[in-house]
C-alpha cells in the first residue's frame, strides 16, 4: 500500500453537508476502483492533518489530495499546503501530491446549467 487518495472538503457545522462529501468520496471510490478517504478542513472529522497522519502511520508513502473546492482560494493555494508541510516534517518519507481544484471547467458549467434549467422548470 504505497499510494492513497484523500478527497478534501471544507467541512460544515451542518452534518448533512459533511455527509455529502462522504457520498462524493464513495462515488469517486467506485469510479476509480480504489479507496478514497474523505477529509475536512474544519468542523468535521477526520481533519485534513488527521487523515494525512493516519495514512502515514499505516505505512503509506504517497498521498494524492484532491481538493474538492471550486476555485483556488486561500484553502487551496495556502492553507492545505501549510497543513501538509507540518505533516511532512513528522513523516519525511511521505510524498503529498495535490491535484487541481475543480476550477472553471466545462463540466462545472454544464452542471450549473442543468441546475438552472431544473429551477426554470419548477
Protein backbone atom coordinates (compact mmCIF):
# COMPACT_ATOMS: atom_id res chain seq x y z
CA UNK A 1 0.00 0.00 0.00
CA UNK A 2 2.04 2.94 -1.16
CA UNK A 3 -0.47 5.42 -2.67
CA UNK A 4 -3.74 6.56 -1.14
CA UNK A 5 -6.22 9.25 -2.15
CA UNK A 6 -7.78 11.92 0.07
CA UNK A 7 -10.80 13.86 -1.11
CA UNK A 8 -10.65 17.12 0.82
CA UNK A 9 -13.68 19.29 1.50
CA UNK A 10 -14.30 22.42 3.51
CA UNK A 11 -16.43 20.91 6.26
CA UNK A 12 -19.54 22.37 7.81
CA UNK A 13 -21.37 22.60 11.10
CA UNK A 14 -24.27 21.01 9.19
CA UNK A 15 -23.96 17.25 9.35
CA UNK A 16 -25.83 16.87 6.04
CA UNK A 17 -23.23 18.95 4.22
CA UNK A 18 -20.43 16.78 5.57
CA UNK A 19 -22.34 13.65 4.60
CA UNK A 20 -22.43 14.93 1.01
CA UNK A 21 -18.61 14.92 0.88
CA UNK A 22 -18.59 11.35 2.19
CA UNK A 23 -21.07 10.36 -0.54
CA UNK A 24 -18.95 12.01 -3.23
CA UNK A 25 -15.88 10.18 -1.89
CA UNK A 26 -17.78 6.89 -2.13
CA UNK A 27 -18.81 7.66 -5.73
CA UNK A 28 -15.25 8.59 -6.69
CA UNK A 29 -14.04 5.40 -4.99
CA UNK A 30 -16.45 3.38 -7.14
CA UNK A 31 -15.36 5.16 -10.33
CA UNK A 32 -11.65 4.74 -9.61
CA UNK A 33 -11.89 1.26 -8.15
CA UNK A 34 -9.74 2.21 -5.17
CA UNK A 35 -10.12 3.60 -1.68
CA UNK A 36 -10.83 7.32 -1.34
CA UNK A 37 -10.62 8.85 2.13
CA UNK A 38 -12.81 11.89 2.83
CA UNK A 39 -11.27 14.64 4.99
CA UNK A 40 -12.27 18.12 6.08
CA UNK A 41 -10.61 21.49 6.57
CA UNK A 42 -12.77 22.12 9.62
CA UNK A 43 -15.97 21.38 11.55
CA UNK A 44 -15.83 17.61 10.89
CA UNK A 45 -13.60 14.58 11.22
CA UNK A 46 -11.22 13.46 10.10
CA UNK A 47 -9.47 16.78 9.73
CA UNK A 48 -7.00 17.05 6.87
CA UNK A 49 -3.95 16.67 9.14
CA UNK A 50 -5.58 13.71 10.92
CA UNK A 51 -6.24 11.97 7.60
CA UNK A 52 -2.66 12.55 6.42
CA UNK A 53 -1.24 11.33 9.73
CA UNK A 54 -3.45 8.23 9.74
CA UNK A 55 -2.30 7.26 6.26
CA UNK A 56 1.35 7.85 7.12
CA UNK A 57 1.05 5.70 10.25
CA UNK A 58 -0.41 2.91 8.08
CA UNK A 59 2.80 2.96 6.02
CA UNK A 60 1.51 4.91 3.03
CA UNK A 61 4.38 6.70 1.29
CA UNK A 62 2.42 8.72 -1.29
CA UNK A 63 -0.90 10.54 -0.93
CA UNK A 64 -2.83 12.23 -3.69
CA UNK A 65 -5.01 15.03 -2.33
CA UNK A 66 -7.94 16.19 -4.43
CA UNK A 67 -9.23 19.49 -3.03
CA UNK A 68 -12.97 19.40 -3.71
CA UNK A 69 -13.18 23.18 -4.00
CA UNK A 70 -14.47 25.13 -6.95
CA UNK A 71 -11.71 27.71 -7.18
CA UNK A 72 -8.17 28.42 -6.00
CA UNK A 73 -8.98 30.42 -2.88
CA UNK A 74 -6.88 30.57 0.29
CA UNK A 75 -7.63 27.00 1.35
CA UNK A 76 -6.39 25.61 -1.97
CA UNK A 77 -3.42 27.92 -2.51
CA UNK A 78 -2.19 28.28 1.06
CA UNK A 79 -3.92 26.52 3.96
CA UNK A 80 -3.78 22.92 2.76
CA UNK A 81 -0.13 23.24 1.76
CA UNK A 82 0.74 24.69 5.16
CA UNK A 83 -1.02 21.82 6.95
CA UNK A 84 0.60 19.25 4.66
CA UNK A 85 4.04 20.71 5.34
CA UNK A 86 3.57 20.19 9.08
CA UNK A 87 2.81 16.51 8.46
CA UNK A 88 5.77 16.19 6.06
CA UNK A 89 8.06 17.29 8.90
CA UNK A 90 6.71 14.46 11.06
CA UNK A 91 6.86 11.90 8.22
CA UNK A 92 9.70 12.85 5.85
CA UNK A 93 9.16 9.72 3.73
CA UNK A 94 5.64 10.89 2.85
CA UNK A 95 5.11 12.41 -0.59
CA UNK A 96 1.94 14.51 -0.86
CA UNK A 97 0.68 15.36 -4.34
CA UNK A 98 -2.13 17.84 -4.90
CA UNK A 99 -4.48 17.60 -7.85
CA UNK A 100 -6.05 20.75 -9.22
CA UNK A 101 -9.28 22.06 -7.69
CA UNK A 102 -12.44 21.74 -9.77
CA UNK A 103 -11.98 25.14 -11.39
CA UNK A 104 -13.75 26.81 -14.28
CA UNK A 105 -14.22 23.51 -16.08
CA UNK A 106 -16.77 22.82 -18.82
CA UNK A 107 -18.25 20.04 -16.68
CA UNK A 108 -18.92 22.52 -13.86
CA UNK A 109 -20.60 24.89 -16.33
CA UNK A 110 -22.73 22.01 -17.64
CA UNK A 111 -23.78 21.04 -14.13
CA UNK A 112 -24.59 24.66 -13.27
CA UNK A 113 -26.66 24.92 -16.45
CA UNK A 114 -28.55 21.73 -15.57
CA UNK A 115 -29.36 23.06 -12.09
CA UNK A 116 -30.57 26.36 -13.56
CA UNK A 117 -32.78 24.51 -16.06
CA UNK A 118 -34.27 22.49 -13.18
CA UNK A 119 -35.13 25.73 -11.38
CA UNK A 120 -36.59 27.29 -14.53
CA UNK A 121 -38.87 24.28 -14.95
CA UNK A 122 -40.05 24.32 -11.34
